[in-house]
Amino acid sequence: MNRFEGPGAREARIRYLDGDFQVVSPGAFVRCAVTSESIPLDELRYWSVARQEAYLDAEVSLRAEMEHDPQLRKRGR
């Protein structure tokens, strides 16, 4: 059994704010918008306020930003 299974282990609903987030419906985790992997709330560090999406890590967050704004790819060159 993984750590998100069992009685009370459900997905939380979150409102993402600048530098913080607000739990709208309690739960143990949220899902990454890109990978669909579970992210425990105490490990949640990356999200988009504009799109109200959570991301697994910095690399996945950057990938999502580049998908939504292809001009970002040109800036790094």
PDB file of N, CA and C in Angstrom:
ATOM      1  N   MET A   1       0.848  -1.169   0.000  1.00  0.00           N
ATOM      2  CA  MET A   1       0.000   0.000   0.000  1.00  0.00           C
ATOM      3  C   MET A   1       0.899   1.239   0.000  1.00  0.00           C
ATOM      4  N   ASN A   2       0.618   2.201  -0.890  1.00  0.00           N
ATOM      5  CA  ASN A   2       1.436   3.407  -0.846  1.00  0.00           C
ATOM      6  C   ASN A   2       0.891   4.359   0.210  1.00  0.00           C
ATOM      7  N   ARG A   3       1.634   5.420   0.481  1.00  0.00           N
ATOM      8  CA  ARG A   3       1.268   6.292   1.601  1.00  0.00           C
ATOM      9  C   ARG A   3       0.019   7.126   1.355  1.00  0.00           C
ATOM     10  N   PHE A   4      -0.528   7.108   0.129  1.00  0.00           N
ATOM     11  CA  PHE A   4      -1.734   7.870  -0.144  1.00  0.00           C
ATOM     12  C   PHE A   4      -2.984   7.004  -0.156  1.00  0.00           C
ATOM     13  N   GLU A   5      -2.823   5.727   0.116  1.00  0.00           N
ATOM     14  CA  GLU A   5      -3.986   4.848   0.158  1.00  0.00           C
ATOM     15  C   GLU A   5      -4.467   4.709   1.592  1.00  0.00           C
ATOM     16  N   GLY A   6      -5.675   4.273   1.716  1.00  0.00           N
ATOM     17  CA  GLY A   6      -6.198   4.042   3.042  1.00  0.00           C
ATOM     18  C   GLY A   6      -7.323   4.995   3.376  1.00  0.00           C
ATOM     19  N   PRO A   7      -7.888   4.889   4.559  1.00  0.00           N
ATOM     20  CA  PRO A   7      -9.063   5.684   4.901  1.00  0.00           C
ATOM     21  C   PRO A   7      -8.775   7.167   4.992  1.00  0.00           C
ATOM     22  N   GLY A   8      -8.881   8.085   4.918  1.00  0.00           N
ATOM     23  CA  GLY A   8      -8.574   9.485   5.035  1.00  0.00           C
ATOM     24  C   GLY A   8      -7.574  10.034   4.036  1.00  0.00           C
ATOM     25  N   ALA A   9      -6.977   9.151   3.241  1.00  0.00           N
ATOM     26  CA  ALA A   9      -5.979   9.637   2.277  1.00  0.00           C
ATOM     27  C   ALA A   9      -6.684  10.006   0.980  1.00  0.00           C
ATOM     28  N   ARG A  10      -6.937  11.272   0.833  1.00  0.00           N
ATOM     29  CA  ARG A  10      -7.610  11.720  -0.391  1.00  0.00           C
ATOM     30  C   ARG A  10      -6.930  12.984  -0.902  1.00  0.00           C
ATOM     31  N   GLU A  11      -7.257  13.322  -2.123  1.00  0.00           N
ATOM     32  CA  GLU A  11      -6.660  14.497  -2.752  1.00  0.00           C
ATOM     33  C   GLU A  11      -7.274  15.779  -2.190  1.00  0.00           C
ATOM     34  N   ALA A  12      -6.417  16.709  -1.839  1.00  0.00           N
ATOM     35  CA  ALA A  12      -6.863  18.001  -1.317  1.00  0.00           C
ATOM     36  C   ALA A  12      -7.216  18.922  -2.478  1.00  0.00           C
ATOM     37  N   ARG A  13      -8.084  19.874  -2.208  1.00  0.00           N
ATOM     38  CA  ARG A  13      -8.351  20.958  -3.161  1.00  0.00           C
ATOM     39  C   ARG A  13      -7.679  22.197  -2.591  1.00  0.00           C
ATOM     40  N   ILE A  14      -6.894  22.853  -3.436  1.00  0.00           N
ATOM     41  CA  ILE A  14      -6.043  23.949  -2.985  1.00  0.00           C
ATOM     42  C   ILE A  14      -6.295  25.204  -3.806  1.00  0.00           C
ATOM     43  N   ARG A  15      -6.206  26.351  -3.152  1.00  0.00           N
ATOM     44  CA  ARG A  15      -6.194  27.644  -3.844  1.00  0.00           C
ATOM     45  C   ARG A  15      -4.763  28.146  -3.724  1.00  0.00           C
ATOM     46  N   TYR A  16      -4.097  28.294  -4.874  1.00  0.00           N
ATOM     47  CA  TYR A  16      -2.696  28.689  -4.900  1.00  0.00           C
ATOM     48  C   TYR A  16      -2.578  30.205  -4.889  1.00  0.00           C
ATOM     49  N   LEU A  17      -1.800  30.718  -3.951  1.00  0.00           N
ATOM     50  CA  LEU A  17      -1.596  32.152  -3.774  1.00  0.00           C
ATOM     51  C   LEU A  17      -0.125  32.479  -4.009  1.00  0.00           C
ATOM     52  N   ASP A  18       0.216  33.760  -4.027  1.00  0.00           N
ATOM     53  CA  ASP A  18       1.617  34.167  -4.152  1.00  0.00           C
ATOM     54  C   ASP A  18       2.364  33.789  -2.881  1.00  0.00           C
ATOM     55  N   GLY A  19       3.263  32.820  -2.993  1.00  0.00           N
ATOM     56  CA  GLY A  19       4.090  32.429  -1.866  1.00  0.00           C
ATOM     57  C   GLY A  19       3.409  31.572  -0.814  1.00  0.00           C
ATOM     58  N   ASP A  20       2.169  31.189  -1.026  1.00  0.00           N
ATOM     59  CA  ASP A  20       1.440  30.378  -0.057  1.00  0.00           C
ATOM     60  C   ASP A  20       0.276  29.696  -0.776  1.00  0.00           C
ATOM     61  N   PHE A  21      -0.390  28.817  -0.059  1.00  0.00           N
ATOM     62  CA  PHE A  21      -1.592  28.208  -0.611  1.00  0.00           C
ATOM     63  C   PHE A  21      -2.609  28.029   0.504  1.00  0.00           C
ATOM     64  N   GLN A  22      -3.862  27.921   0.104  1.00  0.00           N
ATOM     65  CA  GLN A  22      -4.968  27.783   1.045  1.00  0.00           C
ATOM     66  C   GLN A  22      -5.672  26.465   0.754  1.00  0.00           C
ATOM     67  N   VAL A  23      -5.876  25.661   1.777  1.00  0.00           N
ATOM     68  CA  VAL A  23      -6.572  24.389   1.622  1.00  0.00           C
ATOM     69  C   VAL A  23      -8.073  24.666   1.587  1.00  0.00           C
ATOM     70  N   VAL A  24      -8.697  24.333   0.456  1.00  0.00           N
ATOM     71  CA  VAL A  24     -10.134  24.536   0.283  1.00  0.00           C
ATOM     72  C   VAL A  24     -10.889  23.308   0.779  1.00  0.00           C
ATOM     73  N   SER A  25     -10.399  22.117   0.416  1.00  0.00           N
ATOM     74  CA  SER A  25     -10.948  20.846   0.905  1.00  0.00           C
ATOM     75  C   SER A  25      -9.782  20.010   1.421  1.00  0.00           C
ATOM     76  N   PRO A  26      -9.839  19.566   2.659  1.00  0.00           N
ATOM     77  CA  PRO A  26      -8.719  18.827   3.247  1.00  0.00           C
ATOM     78  C   PRO A  26      -8.397  17.544   2.490  1.00  0.00           C
ATOM     79  N   GLY A  27      -7.139  17.199   2.543  1.00  0.00           N
ATOM     80  CA  GLY A  27      -6.656  15.974   1.932  1.00  0.00           C
ATOM     81  C   GLY A  27      -5.183  15.818   2.247  1.00  0.00           C
ATOM     82  N   ALA A  28      -4.611  14.720   1.817  1.00  0.00           N
ATOM     83  CA  ALA A  28      -3.217  14.416   2.119  1.00  0.00           C
ATOM     84  C   ALA A  28      -2.269  14.865   1.021  1.00  0.00           C
ATOM     85  N   PHE A  29      -2.770  15.092  -0.186  1.00  0.00           N
ATOM     86  CA  PHE A  29      -1.896  15.367  -1.314  1.00  0.00           C
ATOM     87  C   PHE A  29      -2.635  16.124  -2.406  1.00  0.00           C
ATOM     88  N   VAL A  30      -1.855  16.609  -3.397  1.00  0.00           N
ATOM     89  CA  VAL A  30      -2.392  17.162  -4.636  1.00  0.00           C
ATOM     90  C   VAL A  30      -1.683  16.446  -5.783  1.00  0.00           C
ATOM     91  N   ARG A  31      -2.186  16.600  -6.978  1.00  0.00           N
ATOM     92  CA  ARG A  31      -1.574  15.955  -8.147  1.00  0.00           C
ATOM     93  C   ARG A  31      -0.818  16.989  -8.985  1.00  0.00           C
ATOM     94  N   CYS A  32       0.332  16.583  -9.467  1.00  0.00           N
ATOM     95  CA  CYS A  32       1.112  17.419 -10.371  1.00  0.00           C
ATOM     96  C   CYS A  32       0.335  17.586 -11.676  1.00  0.00           C
ATOM     97  N   ALA A  33       0.221  18.816 -12.154  1.00  0.00           N
ATOM     98  CA  ALA A  33      -0.524  19.101 -13.385  1.00  0.00           C
ATOM     99  C   ALA A  33       0.150  18.528 -14.625  1.00  0.00           C
ATOM    100  N   VAL A  34       1.448  18.268 -14.558  1.00  0.00           N
ATOM    101  CA  VAL A  34       2.184  17.765 -15.716  1.00  0.00           C
ATOM    102  C   VAL A  34       2.341  16.249 -15.669  1.00  0.00           C
ATOM    103  N   THR A  35       2.747  15.721 -14.527  1.00  0.00           N
ATOM    104  CA  THR A  35       3.064  14.289 -14.427  1.00  0.00           C
ATOM    105  C   THR A  35       1.954  13.453 -13.804  1.00  0.00           C
ATOM    106  N   SER A  36       0.998  14.084 -13.166  1.00  0.00           N
ATOM    107  CA  SER A  36      -0.097  13.423 -12.432  1.00  0.00           C
ATOM    108  C   SER A  36       0.384  12.668 -11.193  1.00  0.00           C
ATOM    109  N   GLU A  37       1.647  12.871 -10.809  1.00  0.00           N
ATOM    110  CA  GLU A  37       2.148  12.222  -9.594  1.00  0.00           C
ATOM    111  C   GLU A  37       1.580  12.908  -8.360  1.00  0.00           C
ATOM    112  N   SER A  38       1.427  12.165  -7.298  1.00  0.00           N
ATOM    113  CA  SER A  38       0.939  12.708  -6.040  1.00  0.00           C
ATOM    114  C   SER A  38       2.036  13.491  -5.341  1.00  0.00           C
ATOM    115  N   ILE A  39       1.669  14.635  -4.779  1.00  0.00           N
ATOM    116  CA  ILE A  39       2.593  15.480  -4.030  1.00  0.00           C
ATOM    117  C   ILE A  39       2.009  15.672  -2.632  1.00  0.00           C
ATOM    118  N   PRO A  40       2.662  15.152  -1.592  1.00  0.00           N
ATOM    119  CA  PRO A  40       2.166  15.384  -0.228  1.00  0.00           C
ATOM    120  C   PRO A  40       2.137  16.890   0.054  1.00  0.00           C
ATOM    121  N   LEU A  41       1.135  17.363   0.754  1.00  0.00           N
ATOM    122  CA  LEU A  41       1.015  18.797   1.007  1.00  0.00           C
ATOM    123  C   LEU A  41       2.248  19.373   1.694  1.00  0.00           C
ATOM    124  N   ASP A  42       2.870  18.606   2.581  1.00  0.00           N
ATOM    125  CA  ASP A  42       4.047  19.127   3.272  1.00  0.00           C
ATOM    126  C   ASP A  42       5.284  19.182   2.378  1.00  0.00           C
ATOM    127  N   GLU A  43       5.195  18.647   1.167  1.00  0.00           N
ATOM    128  CA  GLU A  43       6.299  18.705   0.197  1.00  0.00           C
ATOM    129  C   GLU A  43       5.986  19.612  -0.987  1.00  0.00           C
ATOM    130  N   LEU A  44       4.822  20.236  -0.992  1.00  0.00           N
ATOM    131  CA  LEU A  44       4.404  21.099  -2.096  1.00  0.00           C
ATOM    132  C   LEU A  44       5.191  22.404  -2.063  1.00  0.00           C
ATOM    133  N   ARG A  45       5.975  22.660  -3.116  1.00  0.00           N
ATOM    134  CA  ARG A  45       6.819  23.850  -3.192  1.00  0.00           C
ATOM    135  C   ARG A  45       6.623  24.653  -4.478  1.00  0.00           C
ATOM    136  N   TYR A  46       6.060  24.035  -5.511  1.00  0.00           N
ATOM    137  CA  TYR A  46       5.979  24.669  -6.827  1.00  0.00           C
ATOM    138  C   TYR A  46       4.547  24.655  -7.348  1.00  0.00           C
ATOM    139  N   TRP A  47       4.081  25.831  -7.787  1.00  0.00           N
ATOM    140  CA  TRP A  47       2.741  25.933  -8.354  1.00  0.00           C
ATOM    141  C   TRP A  47       2.635  27.199  -9.188  1.00  0.00           C
ATOM    142  N   SER A  48       1.568  27.281  -9.957  1.00  0.00           N
ATOM    143  CA  SER A  48       1.265  28.465 -10.755  1.00  0.00           C
ATOM    144  C   SER A  48       0.004  29.109 -10.190  1.00  0.00           C
ATOM    145  N   VAL A  49       0.132  30.351  -9.790  1.00  0.00           N
ATOM    146  CA  VAL A  49      -1.031  31.095  -9.304  1.00  0.00           C
ATOM    147  C   VAL A  49      -1.984  31.355 -10.463  1.00  0.00           C
ATOM    148  N   ALA A  50      -1.435  31.751 -11.607  1.00  0.00           N
ATOM    149  CA  ALA A  50      -2.263  32.092 -12.774  1.00  0.00           C
ATOM    150  C   ALA A  50      -3.079  30.904 -13.262  1.00  0.00           C
ATOM    151  N   ARG A  51      -2.464  29.715 -13.287  1.00  0.00           N
ATOM    152  CA  ARG A  51      -3.155  28.530 -13.795  1.00  0.00           C
ATOM    153  C   ARG A  51      -3.726  27.654 -12.686  1.00  0.00           C
ATOM    154  N   GLN A  52      -3.426  27.977 -11.418  1.00  0.00           N
ATOM    155  CA  GLN A  52      -3.909  27.199 -10.273  1.00  0.00           C
ATOM    156  C   GLN A  52      -3.545  25.724 -10.442  1.00  0.00           C
ATOM    157  N   GLU A  53      -2.240  25.480 -10.691  1.00  0.00           N
ATOM    158  CA  GLU A  53      -1.715  24.130 -10.887  1.00  0.00           C
ATOM    159  C   GLU A  53      -0.533  23.892  -9.969  1.00  0.00           C
ATOM    160  N   ALA A  54      -0.403  22.655  -9.507  1.00  0.00           N
ATOM    161  CA  ALA A  54       0.744  22.238  -8.697  1.00  0.00           C
ATOM    162  C   ALA A  54       1.744  21.505  -9.580  1.00  0.00           C
ATOM    163  N   TYR A  55       3.033  21.584  -9.191  1.00  0.00           N
ATOM    164  CA  TYR A  55       4.093  20.905  -9.931  1.00  0.00           C
ATOM    165  C   TYR A  55       4.975  20.118  -8.979  1.00  0.00           C
ATOM    166  N   LEU A  56       5.447  18.989  -9.436  1.00  0.00           N
ATOM    167  CA  LEU A  56       6.255  18.075  -8.640  1.00  0.00           C
ATOM    168  C   LEU A  56       7.557  18.697  -8.158  1.00  0.00           C
ATOM    169  N   ASP A  57       8.257  19.395  -9.053  1.00  0.00           N
ATOM    170  CA  ASP A  57       9.548  19.989  -8.695  1.00  0.00           C
ATOM    171  C   ASP A  57       9.846  21.158  -9.629  1.00  0.00           C
ATOM    172  N   ALA A  58      11.017  21.772  -9.460  1.00  0.00           N
ATOM    173  CA  ALA A  58      11.381  22.943 -10.251  1.00  0.00           C
ATOM    174  C   ALA A  58      11.486  22.620 -11.740  1.00  0.00           C
ATOM    175  N   GLU A  59      12.042  21.468 -12.069  1.00  0.00           N
ATOM    176  CA  GLU A  59      12.192  21.082 -13.475  1.00  0.00           C
ATOM    177  C   GLU A  59      10.835  20.953 -14.162  1.00  0.00           C
ATOM    178  N   VAL A  60       9.891  20.331 -13.503  1.00  0.00           N
ATOM    179  CA  VAL A  60       8.544  20.158 -14.058  1.00  0.00           C
ATOM    180  C   VAL A  60       7.839  21.513 -14.160  1.00  0.00           C
ATOM    181  N   SER A  61       8.058  22.372 -13.172  1.00  0.00           N
ATOM    182  CA  SER A  61       7.475  23.712 -13.199  1.00  0.00           C
ATOM    183  C   SER A  61       7.998  24.503 -14.398  1.00  0.00           C
ATOM    184  N   LEU A  62       9.306  24.440 -14.645  1.00  0.00           N
ATOM    185  CA  LEU A  62       9.896  25.127 -15.794  1.00  0.00           C
ATOM    186  C   LEU A  62       9.352  24.573 -17.104  1.00  0.00           C
ATOM    187  N   ARG A  63       9.218  23.260 -17.174  1.00  0.00           N
ATOM    188  CA  ARG A  63       8.667  22.633 -18.383  1.00  0.00           C
ATOM    189  C   ARG A  63       7.255  23.159 -18.656  1.00  0.00           C
ATOM    190  N   ALA A  64       6.438  23.264 -17.610  1.00  0.00           N
ATOM    191  CA  ALA A  64       5.072  23.775 -17.773  1.00  0.00           C
ATOM    192  C   ALA A  64       5.085  25.225 -18.232  1.00  0.00           C
ATOM    193  N   GLU A  65       5.973  26.031 -17.662  1.00  0.00           N
ATOM    194  CA  GLU A  65       6.060  27.436 -18.064  1.00  0.00           C
ATOM    195  C   GLU A  65       6.445  27.558 -19.535  1.00  0.00           C
ATOM    196  N   MET A  66       7.400  26.741 -19.975  1.00  0.00           N
ATOM    197  CA  MET A  66       7.835  26.800 -21.374  1.00  0.00           C
ATOM    198  C   MET A  66       6.751  26.308 -22.322  1.00  0.00           C
ATOM    199  N   GLU A  67       5.934  25.359 -21.894  1.00  0.00           N
ATOM    200  CA  GLU A  67       4.827  24.895 -22.730  1.00  0.00           C
ATOM    201  C   GLU A  67       3.770  25.978 -22.880  1.00  0.00           C
ATOM    202  N   HIS A  68       3.545  26.747 -21.817  1.00  0.00           N
ATOM    203  CA  HIS A  68       2.525  27.789 -21.861  1.00  0.00           C
ATOM    204  C   HIS A  68       3.040  29.075 -22.505  1.00  0.00           C
ATOM    205  N   ASP A  69       4.351  29.274 -22.521  1.00  0.00           N
ATOM    206  CA  ASP A  69       4.945  30.473 -23.128  1.00  0.00           C
ATOM    207  C   ASP A  69       6.191  30.079 -23.909  1.00  0.00           C
ATOM    208  N   PRO A  70       6.032  29.669 -25.167  1.00  0.00           N
ATOM    209  CA  PRO A  70       7.169  29.213 -25.983  1.00  0.00           C
ATOM    210  C   PRO A  70       8.266  30.284 -26.136  1.00  0.00           C
ATOM    211  N   GLN A  71       7.961  31.547 -25.944  1.00  0.00           N
ATOM    212  CA  GLN A  71       8.979  32.607 -26.032  1.00  0.00           C
ATOM    213  C   GLN A  71      10.068  32.430 -24.973  1.00  0.00           C
ATOM    214  N   LEU A  72       9.768  31.761 -23.882  1.00  0.00           N
ATOM    215  CA  LEU A  72      10.767  31.528 -22.835  1.00  0.00           C
ATOM    216  C   LEU A  72      11.934  30.699 -23.342  1.00  0.00           C
ATOM    217  N   ARG A  73      11.702  29.826 -24.295  1.00  0.00           N
ATOM    218  CA  ARG A  73      12.775  28.984 -24.852  1.00  0.00           C
ATOM    219  C   ARG A  73      13.827  29.832 -25.547  1.00  0.00           C
ATOM    220  N   LYS A  74      13.411  30.899 -26.160  1.00  0.00           N
ATOM    221  CA  LYS A  74      14.332  31.766 -26.903  1.00  0.00           C
ATOM    222  C   LYS A  74      15.188  32.613 -25.962  1.00  0.00           C
ATOM    223  N   ARG A  75      14.717  32.904 -24.774  1.00  0.00           N
ATOM    224  CA  ARG A  75      15.439  33.776 -23.839  1.00  0.00           C
ATOM    225  C   ARG A  75      16.711  33.140 -23.311  1.00  0.00           C
ATOM    226  N   GLY A  76      16.735  31.805 -23.212  1.00  0.00           N
ATOM    227  CA  GLY A  76      17.888  31.118 -22.642  1.00  0.00           C
ATOM    228  C   GLY A  76      19.047  30.960 -23.610  1.00  0.00           C
ATOM    229  N   ARG A  77      18.885  31.382 -24.817  1.00  0.00           N
ATOM    230  CA  ARG A  77      19.937  31.177 -25.833  1.00  0.00           C
ATOM    231  C   ARG A  77      20.791  32.389 -26.036  1.00  0.00           C
TER     232      ARG A  77
END
